[in-house]
Amino acid sequence: MIIAPILIDIKRQNQEQINIFSGRYFTVEPEKGLNGICDFLITKSPEMLTITAPVITIVEAKKENLNLGLGQCIAEMIAARIFNQK
């Protein structure tokens, strides 16, 4: 719940020209393991039904051990780069 107010403010500051998705399945290249549920996705599209490029992914830090979230973070950064390039 710490990041939600920040994301809402970002959306407000961008005059609703972006959209924020949370807990959505994001499939880019499943054969490479680039599929799964993202903590947060920010898209430039004002439409709330589909995820369109460009996207920014946000991964929540894991309280117990920050290193546990590094793999997820790296995978989401690679997936976002590939998704945005297509």
N, C-alpha and C. Protein backbone atom coordinates (compact mmCIF):
# COMPACT_ATOMS: atom_id res chain seq x y z
N MET A 1 0.82 -1.21 0.00
CA MET A 1 0.00 0.00 0.00
C MET A 1 0.85 1.27 0.00
N ILE A 2 2.16 1.14 0.14
CA ILE A 2 3.02 2.32 0.13
C ILE A 2 3.08 2.95 -1.25
N ILE A 3 3.16 2.13 -2.28
CA ILE A 3 3.36 2.65 -3.62
C ILE A 3 2.07 3.15 -4.29
N ALA A 4 0.92 2.64 -3.88
CA ALA A 4 -0.35 3.01 -4.52
C ALA A 4 -0.59 4.53 -4.54
N PRO A 5 -0.42 5.26 -3.44
CA PRO A 5 -0.64 6.71 -3.49
C PRO A 5 0.33 7.42 -4.45
N ILE A 6 1.53 6.91 -4.55
CA ILE A 6 2.52 7.51 -5.46
C ILE A 6 2.07 7.30 -6.90
N LEU A 7 1.63 6.08 -7.23
CA LEU A 7 1.17 5.80 -8.59
C LEU A 7 -0.08 6.60 -8.95
N ILE A 8 -0.99 6.74 -8.00
CA ILE A 8 -2.19 7.54 -8.24
C ILE A 8 -1.82 8.99 -8.51
N ASP A 9 -0.85 9.52 -7.78
CA ASP A 9 -0.41 10.90 -8.00
C ASP A 9 0.27 11.04 -9.36
N ILE A 10 1.05 10.05 -9.76
CA ILE A 10 1.68 10.08 -11.09
C ILE A 10 0.60 10.13 -12.17
N LYS A 11 -0.43 9.32 -12.00
CA LYS A 11 -1.53 9.32 -12.97
C LYS A 11 -2.22 10.68 -13.00
N ARG A 12 -2.47 11.26 -11.84
CA ARG A 12 -3.11 12.57 -11.77
C ARG A 12 -2.24 13.64 -12.43
N GLN A 13 -0.94 13.62 -12.17
CA GLN A 13 -0.03 14.61 -12.74
C GLN A 13 0.07 14.50 -14.25
N ASN A 14 -0.18 13.32 -14.77
CA ASN A 14 -0.14 13.11 -16.22
C ASN A 14 -1.52 13.26 -16.85
N GLN A 15 -2.41 13.89 -16.14
CA GLN A 15 -3.76 14.22 -16.61
C GLN A 15 -4.47 13.03 -17.25
N GLU A 16 -4.36 11.89 -16.57
CA GLU A 16 -5.06 10.68 -16.98
C GLU A 16 -4.60 10.15 -18.33
N GLN A 17 -3.42 10.53 -18.80
CA GLN A 17 -2.90 10.06 -20.08
C GLN A 17 -2.16 8.72 -19.95
N ILE A 18 -2.06 8.22 -18.74
CA ILE A 18 -1.43 6.93 -18.51
C ILE A 18 -2.41 6.04 -17.76
N ASN A 19 -2.08 4.76 -17.70
CA ASN A 19 -2.90 3.85 -16.93
C ASN A 19 -2.01 2.96 -16.09
N ILE A 20 -2.52 2.53 -14.98
CA ILE A 20 -1.78 1.69 -14.05
C ILE A 20 -2.52 0.37 -13.90
N PHE A 21 -1.79 -0.71 -14.10
CA PHE A 21 -2.34 -2.05 -13.94
C PHE A 21 -1.62 -2.71 -12.77
N SER A 22 -2.34 -3.48 -12.00
CA SER A 22 -1.75 -4.19 -10.87
C SER A 22 -2.25 -5.62 -10.87
N GLY A 23 -1.31 -6.56 -10.71
CA GLY A 23 -1.69 -7.96 -10.64
C GLY A 23 -2.18 -8.53 -11.96
N ARG A 24 -1.81 -7.91 -13.06
CA ARG A 24 -2.24 -8.39 -14.39
C ARG A 24 -1.20 -9.35 -14.95
N TYR A 25 -1.68 -10.33 -15.68
CA TYR A 25 -0.80 -11.28 -16.35
C TYR A 25 -0.16 -10.58 -17.54
N PHE A 26 1.16 -10.67 -17.65
CA PHE A 26 1.92 -9.98 -18.70
C PHE A 26 2.74 -11.04 -19.44
N THR A 27 2.30 -11.36 -20.65
CA THR A 27 2.98 -12.38 -21.45
C THR A 27 3.71 -11.69 -22.59
N VAL A 28 5.02 -11.89 -22.64
CA VAL A 28 5.83 -11.30 -23.71
C VAL A 28 6.42 -12.41 -24.57
N GLU A 29 7.23 -13.27 -23.97
CA GLU A 29 7.81 -14.43 -24.66
C GLU A 29 7.80 -15.61 -23.70
N PRO A 30 6.68 -16.32 -23.64
CA PRO A 30 6.57 -17.41 -22.66
C PRO A 30 7.62 -18.50 -22.84
N GLU A 31 8.08 -18.71 -24.08
CA GLU A 31 9.10 -19.74 -24.30
C GLU A 31 10.42 -19.39 -23.62
N LYS A 32 10.62 -18.11 -23.31
CA LYS A 32 11.81 -17.66 -22.59
C LYS A 32 11.52 -17.42 -21.11
N GLY A 33 10.31 -17.76 -20.69
CA GLY A 33 9.94 -17.56 -19.29
C GLY A 33 9.51 -16.14 -18.98
N LEU A 34 9.25 -15.34 -20.00
CA LEU A 34 8.85 -13.96 -19.79
C LEU A 34 7.32 -13.85 -19.80
N ASN A 35 6.74 -14.43 -18.79
CA ASN A 35 5.30 -14.37 -18.59
C ASN A 35 5.04 -14.51 -17.10
N GLY A 36 4.01 -13.87 -16.66
CA GLY A 36 3.66 -13.95 -15.25
C GLY A 36 2.87 -12.72 -14.82
N ILE A 37 2.64 -12.65 -13.55
CA ILE A 37 1.86 -11.54 -12.99
C ILE A 37 2.82 -10.47 -12.49
N CYS A 38 2.61 -9.25 -12.98
CA CYS A 38 3.44 -8.11 -12.57
C CYS A 38 2.82 -7.43 -11.36
N ASP A 39 3.68 -6.89 -10.51
CA ASP A 39 3.17 -6.12 -9.37
C ASP A 39 2.44 -4.88 -9.89
N PHE A 40 3.13 -4.10 -10.73
CA PHE A 40 2.53 -2.90 -11.32
C PHE A 40 3.07 -2.70 -12.72
N LEU A 41 2.20 -2.27 -13.62
CA LEU A 41 2.58 -1.86 -14.97
C LEU A 41 2.01 -0.47 -15.21
N ILE A 42 2.81 0.41 -15.76
CA ILE A 42 2.33 1.73 -16.16
C ILE A 42 2.39 1.75 -17.68
N THR A 43 1.29 2.15 -18.31
CA THR A 43 1.25 2.26 -19.77
C THR A 43 0.91 3.69 -20.15
N LYS A 44 1.29 4.06 -21.35
CA LYS A 44 0.97 5.40 -21.83
C LYS A 44 -0.47 5.49 -22.31
N SER A 45 -1.08 4.36 -22.54
CA SER A 45 -2.45 4.34 -23.05
C SER A 45 -3.44 4.74 -21.96
N PRO A 46 -4.38 5.64 -22.29
CA PRO A 46 -5.41 5.99 -21.31
C PRO A 46 -6.50 4.91 -21.19
N GLU A 47 -6.47 3.91 -22.08
CA GLU A 47 -7.46 2.85 -22.06
C GLU A 47 -7.14 1.83 -20.96
N MET A 48 -8.16 1.41 -20.22
CA MET A 48 -7.93 0.51 -19.09
C MET A 48 -8.09 -0.97 -19.42
N LEU A 49 -8.44 -1.32 -20.65
CA LEU A 49 -8.72 -2.71 -20.96
C LEU A 49 -7.51 -3.48 -21.46
N THR A 50 -6.62 -2.82 -22.17
CA THR A 50 -5.48 -3.53 -22.74
C THR A 50 -4.17 -2.86 -22.35
N ILE A 51 -3.15 -3.67 -22.27
CA ILE A 51 -1.81 -3.17 -21.97
C ILE A 51 -1.14 -2.87 -23.31
N THR A 52 -0.77 -1.61 -23.52
CA THR A 52 -0.14 -1.21 -24.77
C THR A 52 1.21 -0.56 -24.47
N ALA A 53 2.09 -0.63 -25.46
CA ALA A 53 3.42 -0.02 -25.32
C ALA A 53 3.29 1.50 -25.42
N PRO A 54 4.16 2.20 -24.78
CA PRO A 54 5.26 1.74 -23.95
C PRO A 54 4.79 1.41 -22.53
N VAL A 55 5.50 0.49 -21.89
CA VAL A 55 5.19 0.11 -20.52
C VAL A 55 6.41 0.33 -19.63
N ILE A 56 6.12 0.55 -18.38
CA ILE A 56 7.12 0.59 -17.32
C ILE A 56 6.66 -0.43 -16.29
N THR A 57 7.55 -1.27 -15.83
CA THR A 57 7.19 -2.25 -14.80
C THR A 57 7.75 -1.80 -13.46
N ILE A 58 7.00 -2.08 -12.42
CA ILE A 58 7.44 -1.77 -11.06
C ILE A 58 7.30 -3.04 -10.23
N VAL A 59 8.40 -3.40 -9.58
CA VAL A 59 8.42 -4.60 -8.74
C VAL A 59 8.50 -4.17 -7.28
N GLU A 60 7.62 -4.70 -6.46
CA GLU A 60 7.67 -4.39 -5.04
C GLU A 60 8.86 -5.09 -4.39
N ALA A 61 9.51 -4.40 -3.50
CA ALA A 61 10.63 -5.00 -2.75
C ALA A 61 10.08 -6.08 -1.83
N LYS A 62 10.82 -7.13 -1.68
CA LYS A 62 10.44 -8.21 -0.77
C LYS A 62 11.02 -7.90 0.61
N LYS A 63 10.14 -7.78 1.60
CA LYS A 63 10.58 -7.38 2.94
C LYS A 63 11.64 -8.30 3.54
N GLU A 64 11.43 -9.59 3.38
CA GLU A 64 12.30 -10.55 4.03
C GLU A 64 13.72 -10.51 3.46
N ASN A 65 13.81 -10.36 2.13
CA ASN A 65 15.11 -10.46 1.49
C ASN A 65 15.03 -9.78 0.12
N LEU A 66 15.67 -8.64 0.00
CA LEU A 66 15.62 -7.91 -1.27
C LEU A 66 16.18 -8.72 -2.43
N ASN A 67 17.16 -9.57 -2.16
CA ASN A 67 17.75 -10.38 -3.23
C ASN A 67 16.75 -11.34 -3.87
N LEU A 68 15.71 -11.74 -3.12
CA LEU A 68 14.71 -12.64 -3.67
C LEU A 68 13.93 -11.99 -4.81
N GLY A 69 13.82 -10.68 -4.81
CA GLY A 69 13.06 -9.99 -5.85
C GLY A 69 13.88 -9.60 -7.06
N LEU A 70 15.21 -9.80 -7.02
CA LEU A 70 16.05 -9.38 -8.13
C LEU A 70 15.74 -10.13 -9.42
N GLY A 71 15.50 -11.41 -9.35
CA GLY A 71 15.18 -12.19 -10.54
C GLY A 71 13.91 -11.70 -11.21
N GLN A 72 12.89 -11.46 -10.40
CA GLN A 72 11.63 -10.93 -10.93
C GLN A 72 11.85 -9.57 -11.55
N CYS A 73 12.62 -8.74 -10.89
CA CYS A 73 12.89 -7.39 -11.39
C CYS A 73 13.59 -7.44 -12.75
N ILE A 74 14.62 -8.26 -12.85
CA ILE A 74 15.37 -8.38 -14.10
C ILE A 74 14.48 -8.93 -15.21
N ALA A 75 13.70 -9.96 -14.91
CA ALA A 75 12.80 -10.55 -15.91
C ALA A 75 11.79 -9.53 -16.41
N GLU A 76 11.24 -8.73 -15.50
CA GLU A 76 10.25 -7.73 -15.91
C GLU A 76 10.89 -6.61 -16.72
N MET A 77 12.12 -6.23 -16.39
CA MET A 77 12.81 -5.20 -17.18
C MET A 77 13.06 -5.70 -18.60
N ILE A 78 13.51 -6.94 -18.74
CA ILE A 78 13.76 -7.52 -20.07
C ILE A 78 12.44 -7.64 -20.84
N ALA A 79 11.40 -8.12 -20.17
CA ALA A 79 10.09 -8.27 -20.83
C ALA A 79 9.57 -6.91 -21.29
N ALA A 80 9.70 -5.87 -20.46
CA ALA A 80 9.23 -4.54 -20.84
C ALA A 80 10.01 -4.03 -22.06
N ARG A 81 11.32 -4.25 -22.06
CA ARG A 81 12.13 -3.80 -23.20
C ARG A 81 11.68 -4.48 -24.49
N ILE A 82 11.50 -5.79 -24.45
CA ILE A 82 11.06 -6.53 -25.64
C ILE A 82 9.67 -6.08 -26.05
N PHE A 83 8.76 -5.96 -25.10
CA PHE A 83 7.38 -5.53 -25.40
C PHE A 83 7.37 -4.15 -26.04
N ASN A 84 8.18 -3.24 -25.51
CA ASN A 84 8.21 -1.87 -26.03
C ASN A 84 8.84 -1.81 -27.43
N GLN A 85 9.77 -2.70 -27.72
CA GLN A 85 10.43 -2.71 -29.04
C GLN A 85 9.51 -3.29 -30.12
N LYS A 86 8.59 -4.15 -29.74
CA LYS A 86 7.67 -4.74 -30.72
C LYS A 86 6.65 -3.72 -31.07
